[in-house]
């Protein structure tokens, strides 16, 4: 199942992370995952929240530029080599990983990873062949 990620584009200046997380908190929006990528001029915050629509409304209201993209999530065994098994299956299937990051918390002894990939159908097939499963929104506490 695809999960929606919100990518927020920010100036690279002090206080931007505090501002955006503060606005979300003030509006009762909980973060499920966050990833920050930056260059010398700007940053991109990738967010998965418990309420995508409310988060987008807050971002719009406060003048933030953002985009929505589909990502995949997979629970991997939370032990040495757990992620390696999945990454090997993806490499064997020649899946191009654009980026990945982890999700807060664990469920059932598994660490959840977020993937942005070029070919989602091939990704899902490779995950299945590894003996793992893609997660859904319910697994992550998403509305």
N, C-alpha and C. Protein backbone atom coordinates (compact mmCIF):
# COMPACT_ATOMS: atom_id res chain seq x y z
N UNK A 1 0.84 -1.19 0.00
CA UNK A 1 0.00 0.00 0.00
C UNK A 1 0.88 1.24 0.00
N UNK A 2 0.46 2.23 -0.77
CA UNK A 2 1.18 3.48 -0.82
C UNK A 2 0.81 4.35 0.38
N UNK A 3 1.78 5.03 0.89
CA UNK A 3 1.60 5.99 1.97
C UNK A 3 1.93 7.35 1.37
N UNK A 4 1.24 8.40 1.80
CA UNK A 4 1.55 9.73 1.31
C UNK A 4 2.54 10.43 2.23
N UNK A 5 3.53 11.01 1.61
CA UNK A 5 4.57 11.77 2.30
C UNK A 5 4.42 13.22 1.88
N UNK A 6 4.60 14.12 2.82
CA UNK A 6 4.56 15.55 2.53
C UNK A 6 6.01 16.06 2.54
N UNK A 7 6.44 16.66 1.44
CA UNK A 7 7.77 17.25 1.36
C UNK A 7 7.61 18.76 1.43
N UNK A 8 8.20 19.37 2.45
CA UNK A 8 8.09 20.81 2.67
C UNK A 8 9.43 21.45 2.33
N UNK A 9 9.38 22.50 1.52
CA UNK A 9 10.59 23.19 1.09
C UNK A 9 10.79 24.42 1.97
N UNK A 10 11.98 24.52 2.56
CA UNK A 10 12.27 25.58 3.52
C UNK A 10 13.57 26.29 3.21
N UNK A 11 13.64 27.54 3.64
CA UNK A 11 14.91 28.25 3.61
C UNK A 11 15.84 27.56 4.61
N UNK A 12 17.12 27.58 4.31
CA UNK A 12 18.09 27.00 5.23
C UNK A 12 18.48 28.07 6.24
N UNK A 13 17.62 28.22 7.27
CA UNK A 13 17.89 29.20 8.32
C UNK A 13 17.45 28.65 9.67
N UNK A 14 18.06 29.17 10.69
CA UNK A 14 17.78 28.73 12.05
C UNK A 14 16.31 28.88 12.39
N UNK A 15 15.75 27.87 13.02
CA UNK A 15 14.39 27.93 13.54
C UNK A 15 13.32 27.36 12.63
N UNK A 16 13.64 27.01 11.40
CA UNK A 16 12.63 26.51 10.47
C UNK A 16 12.04 25.19 10.94
N UNK A 17 12.87 24.28 11.42
CA UNK A 17 12.34 22.99 11.91
C UNK A 17 11.45 23.20 13.12
N UNK A 18 11.88 24.07 14.03
CA UNK A 18 11.07 24.35 15.22
C UNK A 18 9.74 24.97 14.83
N UNK A 19 9.75 25.85 13.84
CA UNK A 19 8.52 26.51 13.42
C UNK A 19 7.52 25.52 12.85
N UNK A 20 7.97 24.69 11.94
CA UNK A 20 7.02 23.78 11.28
C UNK A 20 6.53 22.70 12.24
N UNK A 21 7.42 22.14 13.05
CA UNK A 21 6.95 21.11 14.00
C UNK A 21 6.06 21.73 15.07
N UNK A 22 6.34 22.98 15.44
CA UNK A 22 5.50 23.68 16.40
C UNK A 22 4.10 23.93 15.86
N UNK A 23 4.01 24.35 14.60
CA UNK A 23 2.70 24.57 13.99
C UNK A 23 1.89 23.28 13.92
N UNK A 24 2.54 22.20 13.55
CA UNK A 24 1.83 20.92 13.50
C UNK A 24 1.36 20.52 14.90
N UNK A 25 2.23 20.68 15.89
CA UNK A 25 1.87 20.32 17.26
C UNK A 25 0.70 21.17 17.78
N UNK A 26 0.73 22.47 17.51
CA UNK A 26 -0.34 23.36 17.94
C UNK A 26 -1.69 22.95 17.36
N UNK A 27 -1.66 22.29 16.22
CA UNK A 27 -2.88 21.85 15.56
C UNK A 27 -3.19 20.38 15.79
N UNK A 28 -2.52 19.77 16.77
CA UNK A 28 -2.81 18.39 17.16
C UNK A 28 -2.41 17.35 16.13
N UNK A 29 -1.44 17.68 15.28
CA UNK A 29 -0.99 16.76 14.23
C UNK A 29 0.27 16.05 14.71
N UNK A 30 0.23 14.73 14.71
CA UNK A 30 1.34 13.92 15.22
C UNK A 30 2.22 13.44 14.06
N UNK A 31 3.51 13.50 14.28
CA UNK A 31 4.46 13.01 13.28
C UNK A 31 4.64 11.51 13.43
N UNK A 32 4.62 10.80 12.32
CA UNK A 32 4.94 9.37 12.30
C UNK A 32 6.37 9.15 11.82
N UNK A 33 6.84 10.07 10.96
CA UNK A 33 8.22 10.00 10.47
C UNK A 33 8.63 11.39 10.00
N UNK A 34 9.93 11.67 10.10
CA UNK A 34 10.48 12.93 9.60
C UNK A 34 11.89 12.66 9.10
N UNK A 35 12.21 13.29 7.99
CA UNK A 35 13.54 13.20 7.39
C UNK A 35 13.89 14.58 6.89
N UNK A 36 15.11 15.02 7.15
CA UNK A 36 15.56 16.33 6.72
C UNK A 36 16.73 16.16 5.76
N UNK A 37 16.61 16.79 4.59
CA UNK A 37 17.70 16.84 3.62
C UNK A 37 17.98 18.31 3.37
N UNK A 38 19.24 18.65 3.21
CA UNK A 38 19.54 20.06 3.04
C UNK A 38 20.68 20.29 2.04
N UNK A 39 20.69 21.49 1.52
CA UNK A 39 21.80 22.00 0.74
C UNK A 39 22.21 23.30 1.43
N UNK A 40 23.13 24.02 0.87
CA UNK A 40 23.54 25.27 1.51
C UNK A 40 22.45 26.33 1.43
N UNK A 41 21.53 26.22 0.47
CA UNK A 41 20.52 27.26 0.27
C UNK A 41 19.13 26.92 0.78
N UNK A 42 18.77 25.66 0.78
CA UNK A 42 17.40 25.30 1.18
C UNK A 42 17.39 23.90 1.79
N UNK A 43 16.28 23.58 2.40
CA UNK A 43 16.10 22.26 2.97
C UNK A 43 14.78 21.66 2.53
N UNK A 44 14.70 20.35 2.62
CA UNK A 44 13.46 19.64 2.34
C UNK A 44 13.18 18.77 3.56
N UNK A 45 12.01 18.96 4.14
CA UNK A 45 11.58 18.12 5.26
C UNK A 45 10.54 17.16 4.70
N UNK A 46 10.80 15.88 4.86
CA UNK A 46 9.84 14.86 4.44
C UNK A 46 9.10 14.39 5.68
N UNK A 47 7.78 14.49 5.65
CA UNK A 47 6.95 14.16 6.80
C UNK A 47 5.91 13.11 6.46
N UNK A 48 5.67 12.24 7.40
CA UNK A 48 4.47 11.40 7.39
C UNK A 48 3.77 11.72 8.69
N UNK A 49 2.52 12.14 8.59
CA UNK A 49 1.76 12.55 9.77
C UNK A 49 0.55 11.65 9.96
N UNK A 50 -0.06 11.80 11.13
CA UNK A 50 -1.26 11.00 11.39
C UNK A 50 -2.48 11.56 10.70
N UNK A 51 -2.38 12.79 10.14
CA UNK A 51 -3.51 13.40 9.45
C UNK A 51 -2.98 14.28 8.32
N UNK A 52 -2.85 13.67 7.16
CA UNK A 52 -2.27 14.37 5.99
C UNK A 52 -3.07 15.61 5.61
N UNK A 53 -4.39 15.53 5.57
CA UNK A 53 -5.21 16.66 5.16
C UNK A 53 -5.05 17.84 6.11
N UNK A 54 -5.09 17.58 7.39
CA UNK A 54 -4.93 18.66 8.37
C UNK A 54 -3.53 19.27 8.27
N UNK A 55 -2.52 18.44 8.06
CA UNK A 55 -1.15 18.95 7.94
C UNK A 55 -1.03 19.87 6.73
N UNK A 56 -1.61 19.47 5.61
CA UNK A 56 -1.56 20.29 4.40
C UNK A 56 -2.30 21.61 4.60
N UNK A 57 -3.42 21.55 5.30
CA UNK A 57 -4.17 22.77 5.60
C UNK A 57 -3.33 23.75 6.42
N UNK A 58 -2.63 23.24 7.43
CA UNK A 58 -1.75 24.09 8.25
C UNK A 58 -0.63 24.67 7.41
N UNK A 59 -0.03 23.83 6.56
CA UNK A 59 1.06 24.31 5.71
C UNK A 59 0.57 25.40 4.76
N UNK A 60 -0.58 25.18 4.12
CA UNK A 60 -1.16 26.20 3.23
C UNK A 60 -1.41 27.50 3.96
N UNK A 61 -2.06 27.40 5.11
CA UNK A 61 -2.44 28.57 5.90
C UNK A 61 -1.21 29.40 6.29
N UNK A 62 -0.07 28.73 6.47
CA UNK A 62 1.13 29.42 6.93
C UNK A 62 2.15 29.68 5.81
N UNK A 63 1.72 29.50 4.56
CA UNK A 63 2.53 29.90 3.42
C UNK A 63 3.69 29.00 3.06
N UNK A 64 3.67 27.75 3.51
CA UNK A 64 4.75 26.82 3.17
C UNK A 64 4.51 26.21 1.79
N UNK A 65 5.59 25.98 1.08
CA UNK A 65 5.54 25.31 -0.21
C UNK A 65 5.80 23.82 0.05
N UNK A 66 4.92 22.97 -0.48
CA UNK A 66 5.07 21.54 -0.23
C UNK A 66 4.55 20.75 -1.41
N UNK A 67 4.87 19.48 -1.42
CA UNK A 67 4.33 18.55 -2.41
C UNK A 67 3.99 17.25 -1.70
N UNK A 68 3.13 16.47 -2.34
CA UNK A 68 2.73 15.16 -1.81
C UNK A 68 3.29 14.11 -2.75
N UNK A 69 3.87 13.06 -2.20
CA UNK A 69 4.34 11.96 -3.05
C UNK A 69 4.01 10.63 -2.37
N UNK A 70 3.92 9.61 -3.21
CA UNK A 70 3.67 8.26 -2.71
C UNK A 70 4.98 7.63 -2.29
N UNK A 71 4.97 6.97 -1.15
CA UNK A 71 6.12 6.21 -0.68
C UNK A 71 5.62 4.84 -0.25
N UNK A 72 6.52 3.93 -0.09
CA UNK A 72 6.20 2.59 0.39
C UNK A 72 6.84 2.40 1.75
N UNK A 73 6.20 1.66 2.61
CA UNK A 73 6.80 1.34 3.90
C UNK A 73 6.86 -0.17 4.07
N UNK A 74 7.93 -0.61 4.71
CA UNK A 74 8.15 -2.04 4.92
C UNK A 74 8.67 -2.23 6.34
N UNK A 75 8.10 -3.18 7.06
CA UNK A 75 8.62 -3.56 8.36
C UNK A 75 9.70 -4.61 8.18
N UNK A 76 10.88 -4.33 8.69
CA UNK A 76 11.98 -5.28 8.60
C UNK A 76 12.31 -5.79 10.00
N UNK A 77 12.82 -7.01 10.13
CA UNK A 77 13.18 -7.51 11.46
C UNK A 77 14.16 -6.56 12.14
N UNK A 78 13.86 -6.20 13.38
CA UNK A 78 14.71 -5.28 14.14
C UNK A 78 15.83 -6.07 14.81
N UNK A 79 16.78 -6.50 13.98
CA UNK A 79 17.93 -7.25 14.45
C UNK A 79 19.05 -7.05 13.43
N UNK A 80 20.28 -7.36 13.77
CA UNK A 80 21.37 -7.20 12.81
C UNK A 80 21.07 -7.95 11.51
N UNK A 81 21.17 -7.25 10.39
CA UNK A 81 20.94 -7.85 9.09
C UNK A 81 19.50 -7.79 8.61
N UNK A 82 18.57 -7.33 9.45
CA UNK A 82 17.15 -7.29 9.07
C UNK A 82 16.91 -6.44 7.83
N UNK A 83 17.52 -5.29 7.77
CA UNK A 83 17.37 -4.42 6.61
C UNK A 83 18.14 -4.96 5.42
N UNK A 84 19.26 -5.58 5.67
CA UNK A 84 20.13 -6.09 4.61
C UNK A 84 19.41 -7.10 3.72
N UNK A 85 18.57 -7.95 4.30
CA UNK A 85 17.83 -8.96 3.53
C UNK A 85 16.94 -8.26 2.50
N UNK A 86 16.23 -7.24 2.94
CA UNK A 86 15.35 -6.51 2.03
C UNK A 86 16.16 -5.78 0.96
N UNK A 87 17.22 -5.10 1.35
CA UNK A 87 18.02 -4.35 0.39
C UNK A 87 18.66 -5.27 -0.65
N UNK A 88 19.03 -6.47 -0.25
CA UNK A 88 19.59 -7.44 -1.20
C UNK A 88 18.52 -7.85 -2.21
N UNK A 89 17.30 -8.10 -1.74
CA UNK A 89 16.20 -8.47 -2.65
C UNK A 89 15.92 -7.33 -3.64
N UNK A 90 15.96 -6.10 -3.17
CA UNK A 90 15.74 -4.95 -4.05
C UNK A 90 16.88 -4.82 -5.06
N UNK A 91 18.10 -5.03 -4.63
CA UNK A 91 19.25 -4.97 -5.54
C UNK A 91 19.16 -6.08 -6.58
N UNK A 92 18.81 -7.29 -6.14
CA UNK A 92 18.69 -8.42 -7.08
C UNK A 92 17.60 -8.15 -8.13
N UNK A 93 16.57 -7.40 -7.75
CA UNK A 93 15.47 -7.08 -8.68
C UNK A 93 15.75 -5.78 -9.44
N UNK A 94 16.93 -5.22 -9.25
CA UNK A 94 17.36 -3.99 -9.93
C UNK A 94 16.40 -2.82 -9.66
N UNK A 95 15.98 -2.70 -8.39
CA UNK A 95 15.08 -1.62 -7.97
C UNK A 95 15.91 -0.40 -7.63
N UNK A 96 15.57 0.73 -8.23
CA UNK A 96 16.25 1.99 -7.97
C UNK A 96 15.62 2.66 -6.74
N UNK A 97 16.37 2.78 -5.66
CA UNK A 97 15.90 3.46 -4.45
C UNK A 97 16.30 4.93 -4.56
N UNK A 98 15.31 5.80 -4.61
CA UNK A 98 15.59 7.23 -4.68
C UNK A 98 16.06 7.75 -3.33
N UNK A 99 15.41 7.29 -2.26
CA UNK A 99 15.86 7.56 -0.90
C UNK A 99 15.06 6.68 0.05
N UNK A 100 15.54 6.60 1.29
CA UNK A 100 14.84 5.84 2.32
C UNK A 100 15.14 6.46 3.68
N UNK A 101 14.26 6.21 4.63
CA UNK A 101 14.47 6.64 6.01
C UNK A 101 13.58 5.80 6.91
N UNK A 102 13.75 5.94 8.22
CA UNK A 102 13.00 5.10 9.15
C UNK A 102 11.82 5.85 9.76
N UNK A 103 10.90 5.07 10.31
CA UNK A 103 9.70 5.59 10.95
C UNK A 103 9.86 5.46 12.46
N UNK A 104 9.26 6.39 13.20
CA UNK A 104 9.31 6.34 14.66
C UNK A 104 8.69 5.06 15.18
N UNK A 105 9.30 4.49 16.19
CA UNK A 105 8.70 3.34 16.87
C UNK A 105 8.87 2.03 16.14
N UNK A 106 8.39 0.98 16.80
CA UNK A 106 8.45 -0.38 16.25
C UNK A 106 7.13 -1.05 16.48
N UNK A 107 6.88 -2.05 15.67
CA UNK A 107 5.67 -2.85 15.86
C UNK A 107 6.04 -4.31 15.65
N UNK A 108 5.66 -5.14 16.59
CA UNK A 108 5.88 -6.58 16.47
C UNK A 108 7.34 -6.94 16.20
N UNK A 109 8.27 -6.23 16.84
CA UNK A 109 9.68 -6.53 16.68
C UNK A 109 10.24 -6.14 15.33
N UNK A 110 9.55 -5.27 14.63
CA UNK A 110 10.00 -4.83 13.31
C UNK A 110 10.24 -3.32 13.32
N UNK A 111 11.29 -2.91 12.62
CA UNK A 111 11.55 -1.51 12.39
C UNK A 111 10.96 -1.16 11.03
N UNK A 112 10.24 -0.07 10.93
CA UNK A 112 9.61 0.30 9.66
C UNK A 112 10.49 1.28 8.89
N UNK A 113 10.61 1.02 7.60
CA UNK A 113 11.41 1.84 6.72
C UNK A 113 10.52 2.44 5.64
N UNK A 114 10.82 3.68 5.24
CA UNK A 114 10.10 4.37 4.17
C UNK A 114 11.00 4.37 2.94
N UNK A 115 10.43 4.04 1.80
CA UNK A 115 11.17 4.01 0.54
C UNK A 115 10.46 4.85 -0.51
N UNK A 116 11.21 5.63 -1.22
CA UNK A 116 10.73 6.28 -2.45
C UNK A 116 11.49 5.59 -3.57
N UNK A 117 10.74 4.97 -4.47
CA UNK A 117 11.35 4.16 -5.54
C UNK A 117 10.81 4.59 -6.89
N UNK A 118 11.55 4.24 -7.93
CA UNK A 118 11.16 4.59 -9.29
C UNK A 118 10.02 3.70 -9.80
N UNK A 119 10.01 2.43 -9.41
CA UNK A 119 9.02 1.47 -9.92
C UNK A 119 8.34 0.79 -8.73
N UNK A 120 7.15 1.28 -8.36
CA UNK A 120 6.47 0.77 -7.17
C UNK A 120 6.01 -0.68 -7.33
N UNK A 121 5.55 -1.04 -8.50
CA UNK A 121 5.08 -2.42 -8.70
C UNK A 121 6.24 -3.40 -8.56
N UNK A 122 7.38 -3.08 -9.14
CA UNK A 122 8.55 -3.95 -9.03
C UNK A 122 9.03 -4.00 -7.58
N UNK A 123 8.95 -2.86 -6.90
CA UNK A 123 9.33 -2.81 -5.49
C UNK A 123 8.47 -3.77 -4.68
N UNK A 124 7.16 -3.70 -4.85
CA UNK A 124 6.25 -4.56 -4.10
C UNK A 124 6.52 -6.03 -4.37
N UNK A 125 6.81 -6.38 -5.61
CA UNK A 125 7.12 -7.77 -5.95
C UNK A 125 8.42 -8.22 -5.29
N UNK A 126 9.42 -7.35 -5.28
CA UNK A 126 10.71 -7.69 -4.66
C UNK A 126 10.56 -7.84 -3.15
N UNK A 127 9.76 -6.97 -2.53
CA UNK A 127 9.52 -7.08 -1.08
C UNK A 127 8.86 -8.42 -0.78
N UNK A 128 7.86 -8.77 -1.56
CA UNK A 128 7.16 -10.04 -1.35
C UNK A 128 8.13 -11.22 -1.51
N UNK A 129 9.00 -11.14 -2.51
CA UNK A 129 9.96 -12.24 -2.74
C UNK A 129 10.96 -12.37 -1.59
N UNK A 130 11.16 -11.28 -0.84
CA UNK A 130 12.09 -11.33 0.29
C UNK A 130 11.45 -11.96 1.53
N UNK A 131 10.14 -12.22 1.45
CA UNK A 131 9.43 -12.78 2.60
C UNK A 131 8.86 -11.71 3.52
N UNK A 132 8.98 -10.44 3.13
CA UNK A 132 8.45 -9.34 3.93
C UNK A 132 7.19 -8.80 3.26
N UNK A 133 6.54 -7.85 3.90
CA UNK A 133 5.33 -7.25 3.36
C UNK A 133 5.39 -5.74 3.46
N UNK A 134 4.77 -5.06 2.50
CA UNK A 134 4.61 -3.62 2.61
C UNK A 134 3.61 -3.34 3.72
N UNK A 135 3.82 -2.26 4.44
CA UNK A 135 2.91 -1.87 5.52
C UNK A 135 1.77 -1.04 4.95
N UNK A 136 0.70 -0.92 5.72
CA UNK A 136 -0.38 -0.04 5.31
C UNK A 136 -0.54 1.08 6.33
N UNK A 137 -1.41 2.00 6.01
CA UNK A 137 -1.63 3.15 6.89
C UNK A 137 -2.05 2.78 8.28
N UNK A 138 -2.86 1.74 8.39
CA UNK A 138 -3.33 1.31 9.71
C UNK A 138 -2.17 0.85 10.58
N UNK A 139 -1.21 0.13 9.95
CA UNK A 139 -0.02 -0.32 10.69
C UNK A 139 0.74 0.86 11.28
N UNK A 140 0.66 2.01 10.61
CA UNK A 140 1.43 3.19 11.03
C UNK A 140 0.59 4.18 11.83
N UNK A 141 -0.67 3.87 12.07
CA UNK A 141 -1.53 4.78 12.82
C UNK A 141 -1.93 6.01 12.02
N UNK A 142 -2.08 5.85 10.70
CA UNK A 142 -2.43 6.96 9.84
C UNK A 142 -3.93 6.97 9.59
N UNK A 143 -4.48 8.18 9.42
CA UNK A 143 -5.92 8.32 9.12
C UNK A 143 -6.15 8.16 7.64
